[in-house]
């Protein structure tokens, strides 16, 4: 229920409360609603700035970043994570601004895949022709290590700061992992068989891809059923992990979801 100032003025005229009480009550309501999710100009600016920063270390990482090398990418990602963690503490503890704090906490998690990728490049895990930007567009079981590292950072962030929007990059990572799990299982079950091997016949290649797509279908079914069960729990849509069910929708990797808008309806 929303209370307008006109309703308090009506209560004053009817003698229910006096003018001083109405003023004090209205000030209290304004203070409590200041940081609650709502479509206000300030909040739109919060989300715009936060999503630009998150995109800058994720989907907007171009080939130019690769010139930094693995060590450079690792150090840049660590610097972003450190600054974002410091700003999260400043916004939440000192300035009492939970929404920008949640955006900065999400930035910490969003920069984790880049840090893991940079470390892997430094250790020679990735070939020279691999680029980080394909992480958001191509399904590959080798991303699993980056996704596990991101989930570890996300768990630490949620343990330190229980901020709803920090669940966003965790949910995206789980979504990516559900897609990368199928080729990982296929590689394990087929003994790392290369379907493009010229020694394989056309029928063998077709059987490989047919079994691969069947496996992907079953992985999608299992993940979808798990999300469906979570989405129908009592009071679920008033909890932070509701975004996991949004990500269960059948959309391809690399699509952009309206996370700031979804977050506004979580409360």
C-alpha atoms as a PDB file:
ATOM      1  CA  UNK A   1       0.000   0.000   0.000  1.00  0.00           C
ATOM      2  CA  UNK A   2       1.326   3.424  -0.962  1.00  0.00           C
ATOM      3  CA  UNK A   3       0.678   6.459   1.218  1.00  0.00           C
ATOM      4  CA  UNK A   4       0.497   9.937  -0.297  1.00  0.00           C
ATOM      5  CA  UNK A   5       1.045  13.215   1.521  1.00  0.00           C
ATOM      6  CA  UNK A   6      -2.543  14.190   0.705  1.00  0.00           C
ATOM      7  CA  UNK A   7      -3.778  11.253   2.796  1.00  0.00           C
ATOM      8  CA  UNK A   8      -1.802  12.491   5.801  1.00  0.00           C
ATOM      9  CA  UNK A   9      -3.233  15.973   5.292  1.00  0.00           C
ATOM     10  CA  UNK A  10      -6.716  14.457   5.290  1.00  0.00           C
ATOM     11  CA  UNK A  11      -5.925  12.679   8.574  1.00  0.00           C
ATOM     12  CA  UNK A  12      -4.806  16.017  10.051  1.00  0.00           C
ATOM     13  CA  UNK A  13      -8.039  17.750   8.996  1.00  0.00           C
ATOM     14  CA  UNK A  14     -10.098  14.974  10.568  1.00  0.00           C
ATOM     15  CA  UNK A  15      -8.173  15.247  13.822  1.00  0.00           C
ATOM     16  CA  UNK A  16      -6.681  11.757  13.684  1.00  0.00           C
ATOM     17  CA  UNK A  17      -3.114  13.093  13.935  1.00  0.00           C
ATOM     18  CA  UNK A  18      -1.722  16.589  14.316  1.00  0.00           C
ATOM     19  CA  UNK A  19       0.368  18.481  11.785  1.00  0.00           C
ATOM     20  CA  UNK A  20       3.678  17.751  13.541  1.00  0.00           C
ATOM     21  CA  UNK A  21       2.976  14.028  13.568  1.00  0.00           C
ATOM     22  CA  UNK A  22       2.037  14.100   9.874  1.00  0.00           C
ATOM     23  CA  UNK A  23       5.259  15.893   8.999  1.00  0.00           C
ATOM     24  CA  UNK A  24       7.361  13.491  11.058  1.00  0.00           C
ATOM     25  CA  UNK A  25       5.580  10.455   9.570  1.00  0.00           C
ATOM     26  CA  UNK A  26       6.015  11.753   6.017  1.00  0.00           C
ATOM     27  CA  UNK A  27       9.739  12.342   6.610  1.00  0.00           C
ATOM     28  CA  UNK A  28      10.065   8.784   7.899  1.00  0.00           C
ATOM     29  CA  UNK A  29       8.289   7.343   4.866  1.00  0.00           C
ATOM     30  CA  UNK A  30      10.490   9.318   2.482  1.00  0.00           C
ATOM     31  CA  UNK A  31      13.646   8.154   4.258  1.00  0.00           C
ATOM     32  CA  UNK A  32      12.575   4.494   4.122  1.00  0.00           C
ATOM     33  CA  UNK A  33      11.621   4.644   0.445  1.00  0.00           C
ATOM     34  CA  UNK A  34      14.800   6.425  -0.648  1.00  0.00           C
ATOM     35  CA  UNK A  35      16.769   3.229  -1.248  1.00  0.00           C
ATOM     36  CA  UNK A  36      13.915   0.836  -2.002  1.00  0.00           C
ATOM     37  CA  UNK A  37      13.668  -0.453  -5.608  1.00  0.00           C
ATOM     38  CA  UNK A  38      11.605   1.978  -7.685  1.00  0.00           C
ATOM     39  CA  UNK A  39      11.580   3.594 -11.118  1.00  0.00           C
ATOM     40  CA  UNK A  40      13.160   6.907 -10.260  1.00  0.00           C
ATOM     41  CA  UNK A  41      15.657   9.040 -12.155  1.00  0.00           C
ATOM     42  CA  UNK A  42      18.404   8.464  -9.573  1.00  0.00           C
ATOM     43  CA  UNK A  43      17.921   4.715  -9.655  1.00  0.00           C
ATOM     44  CA  UNK A  44      18.010   4.649 -13.441  1.00  0.00           C
ATOM     45  CA  UNK A  45      21.333   6.485 -13.295  1.00  0.00           C
ATOM     46  CA  UNK A  46      22.592   3.960 -10.732  1.00  0.00           C
ATOM     47  CA  UNK A  47      21.731   1.052 -12.998  1.00  0.00           C
ATOM     48  CA  UNK A  48      22.986   2.750 -16.141  1.00  0.00           C
ATOM     49  CA  UNK A  49      26.391   3.428 -14.622  1.00  0.00           C
ATOM     50  CA  UNK A  50      26.563   0.003 -13.005  1.00  0.00           C
ATOM     51  CA  UNK A  51      25.644  -1.880 -16.168  1.00  0.00           C
ATOM     52  CA  UNK A  52      28.153   0.124 -18.216  1.00  0.00           C
ATOM     53  CA  UNK A  53      30.877  -0.837 -15.722  1.00  0.00           C
ATOM     54  CA  UNK A  54      29.780  -4.487 -15.675  1.00  0.00           C
ATOM     55  CA  UNK A  55      29.620  -4.574 -19.468  1.00  0.00           C
ATOM     56  CA  UNK A  56      33.079  -3.017 -19.665  1.00  0.00           C
ATOM     57  CA  UNK A  57      34.656  -6.085 -18.030  1.00  0.00           C
ATOM     58  CA  UNK A  58      32.411  -8.676 -19.675  1.00  0.00           C
ATOM     59  CA  UNK A  59      30.558  -8.387 -22.995  1.00  0.00           C
ATOM     60  CA  UNK A  60      32.454  -5.269 -24.140  1.00  0.00           C
ATOM     61  CA  UNK A  61      35.905  -6.812 -23.788  1.00  0.00           C
ATOM     62  CA  UNK A  62      37.266  -6.648 -27.344  1.00  0.00           C
ATOM     63  CA  UNK A  63      40.327  -8.029 -29.102  1.00  0.00           C
ATOM     64  CA  UNK A  64      42.227  -4.908 -28.053  1.00  0.00           C
ATOM     65  CA  UNK A  65      42.266  -6.242 -24.512  1.00  0.00           C
ATOM     66  CA  UNK A  66      44.165  -9.311 -25.707  1.00  0.00           C
ATOM     67  CA  UNK A  67      47.198  -7.109 -26.414  1.00  0.00           C
ATOM     68  CA  UNK A  68      47.624  -6.775 -22.644  1.00  0.00           C
ATOM     69  CA  UNK A  69      48.532 -10.433 -22.448  1.00  0.00           C
ATOM     70  CA  UNK A  70      47.423 -12.880 -19.795  1.00  0.00           C
ATOM     71  CA  UNK A  71      49.225 -11.112 -16.963  1.00  0.00           C
ATOM     72  CA  UNK A  72      47.856  -7.719 -17.974  1.00  0.00           C
ATOM     73  CA  UNK A  73      44.287  -9.019 -18.127  1.00  0.00           C
ATOM     74  CA  UNK A  74      44.712 -10.685 -14.751  1.00  0.00           C
ATOM     75  CA  UNK A  75      46.045  -7.532 -13.099  1.00  0.00           C
ATOM     76  CA  UNK A  76      43.389  -5.285 -14.668  1.00  0.00           C
ATOM     77  CA  UNK A  77      40.628  -7.618 -13.520  1.00  0.00           C
ATOM     78  CA  UNK A  78      42.079  -7.773  -9.999  1.00  0.00           C
ATOM     79  CA  UNK A  79      42.287  -3.966  -9.894  1.00  0.00           C
ATOM     80  CA  UNK A  80      38.639  -3.668 -10.968  1.00  0.00           C
ATOM     81  CA  UNK A  81      37.574  -6.207  -8.357  1.00  0.00           C
ATOM     82  CA  UNK A  82      39.531  -4.442  -5.616  1.00  0.00           C
ATOM     83  CA  UNK A  83      38.113  -1.000  -6.445  1.00  0.00           C
ATOM     84  CA  UNK A  84      34.586  -2.403  -6.750  1.00  0.00           C
ATOM     85  CA  UNK A  85      34.892  -4.167  -3.385  1.00  0.00           C
ATOM     86  CA  UNK A  86      36.128  -0.942  -1.768  1.00  0.00           C
ATOM     87  CA  UNK A  87      33.240   1.040  -3.278  1.00  0.00           C
ATOM     88  CA  UNK A  88      30.787  -1.621  -2.101  1.00  0.00           C
ATOM     89  CA  UNK A  89      31.993  -1.107   1.462  1.00  0.00           C
ATOM     90  CA  UNK A  90      31.867   2.685   1.130  1.00  0.00           C
ATOM     91  CA  UNK A  91      28.350   2.736  -0.342  1.00  0.00           C
ATOM     92  CA  UNK A  92      26.894   0.183   2.049  1.00  0.00           C
ATOM     93  CA  UNK A  93      28.577   0.944   5.377  1.00  0.00           C
ATOM     94  CA  UNK A  94      29.416   4.634   5.244  1.00  0.00           C
ATOM     95  CA  UNK A  95      26.859   6.145   2.851  1.00  0.00           C
ATOM     96  CA  UNK A  96      23.991   3.664   3.428  1.00  0.00           C
ATOM     97  CA  UNK A  97      23.266   3.279  -0.303  1.00  0.00           C
ATOM     98  CA  UNK A  98      22.398  -0.406  -0.871  1.00  0.00           C
ATOM     99  CA  UNK A  99      21.528  -0.131  -4.575  1.00  0.00           C
ATOM    100  CA  UNK A 100      24.881   1.239  -5.838  1.00  0.00           C
ATOM    101  CA  UNK A 101      26.553  -1.079  -3.338  1.00  0.00           C
ATOM    102  CA  UNK A 102      24.775  -4.038  -4.933  1.00  0.00           C
ATOM    103  CA  UNK A 103      25.891  -2.901  -8.372  1.00  0.00           C
ATOM    104  CA  UNK A 104      29.505  -2.702  -7.240  1.00  0.00           C
ATOM    105  CA  UNK A 105      29.243  -6.125  -5.607  1.00  0.00           C
ATOM    106  CA  UNK A 106      27.928  -7.468  -8.918  1.00  0.00           C
ATOM    107  CA  UNK A 107      30.908  -5.829 -10.649  1.00  0.00           C
ATOM    108  CA  UNK A 108      33.269  -7.788  -8.376  1.00  0.00           C
ATOM    109  CA  UNK A 109      31.677 -11.045  -9.525  1.00  0.00           C
ATOM    110  CA  UNK A 110      31.421  -9.962 -13.175  1.00  0.00           C
ATOM    111  CA  UNK A 111      35.170  -9.288 -13.333  1.00  0.00           C
ATOM    112  CA  UNK A 112      36.051 -12.727 -11.924  1.00  0.00           C
ATOM    113  CA  UNK A 113      35.898 -14.620 -15.285  1.00  0.00           C
ATOM    114  CA  UNK A 114      38.319 -12.130 -16.827  1.00  0.00           C
ATOM    115  CA  UNK A 115      40.713 -12.608 -13.909  1.00  0.00           C
ATOM    116  CA  UNK A 116      40.579 -16.400 -14.222  1.00  0.00           C
ATOM    117  CA  UNK A 117      40.987 -16.164 -17.991  1.00  0.00           C
ATOM    118  CA  UNK A 118      44.024 -13.891 -17.624  1.00  0.00           C
ATOM    119  CA  UNK A 119      45.598 -16.293 -15.150  1.00  0.00           C
ATOM    120  CA  UNK A 120      44.940 -19.226 -17.474  1.00  0.00           C
ATOM    121  CA  UNK A 121      46.467 -17.339 -20.395  1.00  0.00           C
ATOM    122  CA  UNK A 122      49.545 -16.612 -18.295  1.00  0.00           C
ATOM    123  CA  UNK A 123      49.882 -20.312 -17.436  1.00  0.00           C
ATOM    124  CA  UNK A 124      49.474 -21.316 -21.097  1.00  0.00           C
ATOM    125  CA  UNK A 125      46.064 -22.949 -20.673  1.00  0.00           C
ATOM    126  CA  UNK A 126      44.506 -21.163 -23.671  1.00  0.00           C
ATOM    127  CA  UNK A 127      45.943 -21.152 -27.218  1.00  0.00           C
ATOM    128  CA  UNK A 128      47.023 -17.834 -28.719  1.00  0.00           C
ATOM    129  CA  UNK A 129      44.052 -17.639 -31.095  1.00  0.00           C
ATOM    130  CA  UNK A 130      41.495 -17.742 -28.262  1.00  0.00           C
ATOM    131  CA  UNK A 131      39.819 -14.487 -27.225  1.00  0.00           C
ATOM    132  CA  UNK A 132      37.895 -13.726 -24.060  1.00  0.00           C
ATOM    133  CA  UNK A 133      34.927 -12.215 -25.879  1.00  0.00           C
ATOM    134  CA  UNK A 134      33.930 -15.658 -27.202  1.00  0.00           C
ATOM    135  CA  UNK A 135      33.143 -16.613 -23.589  1.00  0.00           C
ATOM    136  CA  UNK A 136      29.812 -14.829 -24.037  1.00  0.00           C
ATOM    137  CA  UNK A 137      28.985 -16.184 -27.501  1.00  0.00           C
ATOM    138  CA  UNK A 138      30.408 -19.703 -27.925  1.00  0.00           C
ATOM    139  CA  UNK A 139      29.538 -22.841 -25.951  1.00  0.00           C
ATOM    140  CA  UNK A 140      32.766 -24.588 -24.890  1.00  0.00           C
ATOM    141  CA  UNK A 141      33.332 -26.981 -22.003  1.00  0.00           C
ATOM    142  CA  UNK A 142      36.730 -25.372 -21.328  1.00  0.00           C
ATOM    143  CA  UNK A 143      34.917 -22.341 -19.860  1.00  0.00           C
ATOM    144  CA  UNK A 144      33.957 -24.492 -16.873  1.00  0.00           C
ATOM    145  CA  UNK A 145      37.072 -23.498 -14.918  1.00  0.00           C
ATOM    146  CA  UNK A 146      36.265 -19.800 -15.353  1.00  0.00           C
ATOM    147  CA  UNK A 147      32.670 -20.432 -14.322  1.00  0.00           C
ATOM    148  CA  UNK A 148      33.702 -22.332 -11.201  1.00  0.00           C
ATOM    149  CA  UNK A 149      36.044 -19.504 -10.262  1.00  0.00           C
ATOM    150  CA  UNK A 150      33.242 -16.980 -10.763  1.00  0.00           C
ATOM    151  CA  UNK A 151      30.893 -18.996  -8.560  1.00  0.00           C
ATOM    152  CA  UNK A 152      33.569 -19.087  -5.858  1.00  0.00           C
ATOM    153  CA  UNK A 153      33.942 -15.308  -5.969  1.00  0.00           C
ATOM    154  CA  UNK A 154      30.152 -14.934  -6.017  1.00  0.00           C
ATOM    155  CA  UNK A 155      29.789 -17.115  -2.927  1.00  0.00           C
ATOM    156  CA  UNK A 156      32.385 -14.996  -1.114  1.00  0.00           C
ATOM    157  CA  UNK A 157      30.629 -11.772  -2.138  1.00  0.00           C
ATOM    158  CA  UNK A 158      27.235 -13.044  -0.940  1.00  0.00           C
ATOM    159  CA  UNK A 159      28.796 -14.196   2.323  1.00  0.00           C
ATOM    160  CA  UNK A 160      30.359 -10.765   2.884  1.00  0.00           C
ATOM    161  CA  UNK A 161      27.517  -8.580   1.564  1.00  0.00           C
ATOM    162  CA  UNK A 162      23.988  -9.928   1.205  1.00  0.00           C
ATOM    163  CA  UNK A 163      22.956  -7.675  -1.656  1.00  0.00           C
ATOM    164  CA  UNK A 164      20.265  -8.887  -4.106  1.00  0.00           C
ATOM    165  CA  UNK A 165      21.744  -7.538  -7.341  1.00  0.00           C
ATOM    166  CA  UNK A 166      25.016  -9.403  -6.786  1.00  0.00           C
ATOM    167  CA  UNK A 167      23.050 -12.562  -7.626  1.00  0.00           C
ATOM    168  CA  UNK A 168      22.797 -11.372 -11.258  1.00  0.00           C
ATOM    169  CA  UNK A 169      26.283 -12.402 -12.479  1.00  0.00           C
ATOM    170  CA  UNK A 170      26.026 -15.623 -10.464  1.00  0.00           C
ATOM    171  CA  UNK A 171      22.777 -16.491 -12.243  1.00  0.00           C
ATOM    172  CA  UNK A 172      24.316 -15.680 -15.631  1.00  0.00           C
ATOM    173  CA  UNK A 173      27.284 -17.907 -14.797  1.00  0.00           C
ATOM    174  CA  UNK A 174      24.989 -20.788 -13.828  1.00  0.00           C
ATOM    175  CA  UNK A 175      23.146 -20.285 -17.100  1.00  0.00           C
ATOM    176  CA  UNK A 176      26.434 -20.431 -19.036  1.00  0.00           C
ATOM    177  CA  UNK A 177      27.499 -23.484 -17.072  1.00  0.00           C
ATOM    178  CA  UNK A 178      24.280 -25.316 -17.936  1.00  0.00           C
ATOM    179  CA  UNK A 179      25.194 -24.900 -21.624  1.00  0.00           C
ATOM    180  CA  UNK A 180      28.896 -25.779 -21.241  1.00  0.00           C
ATOM    181  CA  UNK A 181      28.091 -28.893 -19.218  1.00  0.00           C
ATOM    182  CA  UNK A 182      26.735 -30.781 -22.242  1.00  0.00           C
ATOM    183  CA  UNK A 183      29.951 -30.675 -24.350  1.00  0.00           C
ATOM    184  CA  UNK A 184      31.953 -31.549 -21.227  1.00  0.00           C
ATOM    185  CA  UNK A 185      29.840 -34.677 -20.688  1.00  0.00           C
ATOM    186  CA  UNK A 186      30.021 -35.506 -24.398  1.00  0.00           C
ATOM    187  CA  UNK A 187      33.811 -35.238 -24.358  1.00  0.00           C
ATOM    188  CA  UNK A 188      33.976 -37.528 -21.326  1.00  0.00           C
ATOM    189  CA  UNK A 189      31.558 -40.088 -22.750  1.00  0.00           C
ATOM    190  CA  UNK A 190      33.187 -40.266 -26.208  1.00  0.00           C
ATOM    191  CA  UNK A 191      36.777 -40.279 -24.995  1.00  0.00           C
ATOM    192  CA  UNK A 192      37.608 -36.852 -26.447  1.00  0.00           C
ATOM    193  CA  UNK A 193      36.557 -37.942 -29.917  1.00  0.00           C
ATOM    194  CA  UNK A 194      37.047 -35.311 -32.622  1.00  0.00           C
ATOM    195  CA  UNK A 195      33.948 -35.262 -34.896  1.00  0.00           C
ATOM    196  CA  UNK A 196      35.989 -33.518 -37.613  1.00  0.00           C
ATOM    197  CA  UNK A 197      38.520 -36.336 -37.793  1.00  0.00           C
ATOM    198  CA  UNK A 198      38.845 -37.265 -41.518  1.00  0.00           C
ATOM    199  CA  UNK A 199      39.164 -40.920 -40.514  1.00  0.00           C
ATOM    200  CA  UNK A 200      35.536 -40.931 -39.373  1.00  0.00           C
ATOM    201  CA  UNK A 201      32.879 -41.833 -41.882  1.00  0.00           C
ATOM    202  CA  UNK A 202      29.957 -39.571 -42.657  1.00  0.00           C
ATOM    203  CA  UNK A 203      27.622 -41.843 -40.674  1.00  0.00           C
ATOM    204  CA  UNK A 204      29.910 -41.759 -37.632  1.00  0.00           C
ATOM    205  CA  UNK A 205      30.041 -37.969 -37.726  1.00  0.00           C
ATOM    206  CA  UNK A 206      26.265 -37.769 -38.032  1.00  0.00           C
ATOM    207  CA  UNK A 207      25.801 -40.179 -35.120  1.00  0.00           C
ATOM    208  CA  UNK A 208      28.173 -38.093 -33.022  1.00  0.00           C
ATOM    209  CA  UNK A 209      26.262 -34.861 -33.611  1.00  0.00           C
ATOM    210  CA  UNK A 210      22.919 -36.570 -33.175  1.00  0.00           C
ATOM    211  CA  UNK A 211      23.927 -37.987 -29.786  1.00  0.00           C
ATOM    212  CA  UNK A 212      25.424 -34.620 -28.845  1.00  0.00           C
ATOM    213  CA  UNK A 213      22.173 -32.773 -29.503  1.00  0.00           C
ATOM    214  CA  UNK A 214      20.176 -35.405 -27.635  1.00  0.00           C
ATOM    215  CA  UNK A 215      22.506 -34.968 -24.666  1.00  0.00           C
ATOM    216  CA  UNK A 216      22.102 -31.173 -24.817  1.00  0.00           C
ATOM    217  CA  UNK A 217      18.340 -31.598 -24.852  1.00  0.00           C
ATOM    218  CA  UNK A 218      18.400 -33.741 -21.732  1.00  0.00           C
ATOM    219  CA  UNK A 219      20.744 -31.361 -19.942  1.00  0.00           C
ATOM    220  CA  UNK A 220      18.353 -28.529 -20.789  1.00  0.00           C
ATOM    221  CA  UNK A 221      15.415 -30.582 -19.490  1.00  0.00           C
ATOM    222  CA  UNK A 222      17.142 -31.344 -16.185  1.00  0.00           C
ATOM    223  CA  UNK A 223      18.235 -27.734 -15.661  1.00  0.00           C
ATOM    224  CA  UNK A 224      14.815 -26.450 -16.698  1.00  0.00           C
ATOM    225  CA  UNK A 225      12.993 -28.779 -14.307  1.00  0.00           C
ATOM    226  CA  UNK A 226      15.264 -27.686 -11.478  1.00  0.00           C
ATOM    227  CA  UNK A 227      14.534 -24.020 -12.193  1.00  0.00           C
ATOM    228  CA  UNK A 228      10.814 -24.779 -12.583  1.00  0.00           C
ATOM    229  CA  UNK A 229      10.731 -26.388  -9.149  1.00  0.00           C
ATOM    230  CA  UNK A 230      12.525 -23.406  -7.590  1.00  0.00           C
ATOM    231  CA  UNK A 231      10.218 -20.907  -9.310  1.00  0.00           C
ATOM    232  CA  UNK A 232       7.101 -22.491  -7.814  1.00  0.00           C
ATOM    233  CA  UNK A 233       8.223 -22.498  -4.198  1.00  0.00           C
ATOM    234  CA  UNK A 234       6.039 -20.401  -1.856  1.00  0.00           C
ATOM    235  CA  UNK A 235       7.079 -16.739  -1.667  1.00  0.00           C
ATOM    236  CA  UNK A 236       9.873 -17.436  -4.136  1.00  0.00           C
ATOM    237  CA  UNK A 237       9.258 -14.340  -6.234  1.00  0.00           C
ATOM    238  CA  UNK A 238       9.955 -12.133  -3.230  1.00  0.00           C
ATOM    239  CA  UNK A 239      13.455 -13.567  -2.810  1.00  0.00           C
ATOM    240  CA  UNK A 240      16.713 -12.590  -4.491  1.00  0.00           C
ATOM    241  CA  UNK A 241      17.369 -15.817  -6.469  1.00  0.00           C
ATOM    242  CA  UNK A 242      14.243 -15.216  -8.556  1.00  0.00           C
ATOM    243  CA  UNK A 243      16.553 -14.149 -11.377  1.00  0.00           C
ATOM    244  CA  UNK A 244      17.625 -17.773 -11.779  1.00  0.00           C
ATOM    245  CA  UNK A 245      14.176 -18.589 -13.140  1.00  0.00           C
ATOM    246  CA  UNK A 246      14.347 -15.675 -15.550  1.00  0.00           C
ATOM    247  CA  UNK A 247      17.572 -17.136 -16.921  1.00  0.00           C
ATOM    248  CA  UNK A 248      15.886 -20.505 -17.361  1.00  0.00           C
ATOM    249  CA  UNK A 249      13.981 -19.040 -20.304  1.00  0.00           C
ATOM    250  CA  UNK A 250      14.979 -20.529 -23.674  1.00  0.00           C
ATOM    251  CA  UNK A 251      17.346 -17.843 -24.941  1.00  0.00           C
ATOM    252  CA  UNK A 252      20.701 -18.323 -26.593  1.00  0.00           C
ATOM    253  CA  UNK A 253      24.085 -17.423 -25.180  1.00  0.00           C
ATOM    254  CA  UNK A 254      25.003 -13.805 -25.678  1.00  0.00           C
ATOM    255  CA  UNK A 255      21.475 -12.395 -25.445  1.00  0.00           C
ATOM    256  CA  UNK A 256      20.882  -9.374 -23.236  1.00  0.00           C
ATOM    257  CA  UNK A 257      18.289  -9.547 -20.454  1.00  0.00           C
ATOM    258  CA  UNK A 258      16.608  -6.634 -18.708  1.00  0.00           C
ATOM    259  CA  UNK A 259      18.175  -7.298 -15.325  1.00  0.00           C
ATOM    260  CA  UNK A 260      17.720  -3.824 -13.839  1.00  0.00           C
ATOM    261  CA  UNK A 261      14.015  -4.001 -14.637  1.00  0.00           C
ATOM    262  CA  UNK A 262      13.726  -7.513 -13.178  1.00  0.00           C
ATOM    263  CA  UNK A 263      15.486  -6.377 -10.024  1.00  0.00           C
ATOM    264  CA  UNK A 264      12.978  -3.552  -9.528  1.00  0.00           C
ATOM    265  CA  UNK A 265      10.193  -6.121  -9.188  1.00  0.00           C
ATOM    266  CA  UNK A 266      12.024  -8.414  -6.748  1.00  0.00           C
ATOM    267  CA  UNK A 267      11.024  -6.414  -3.702  1.00  0.00           C
END
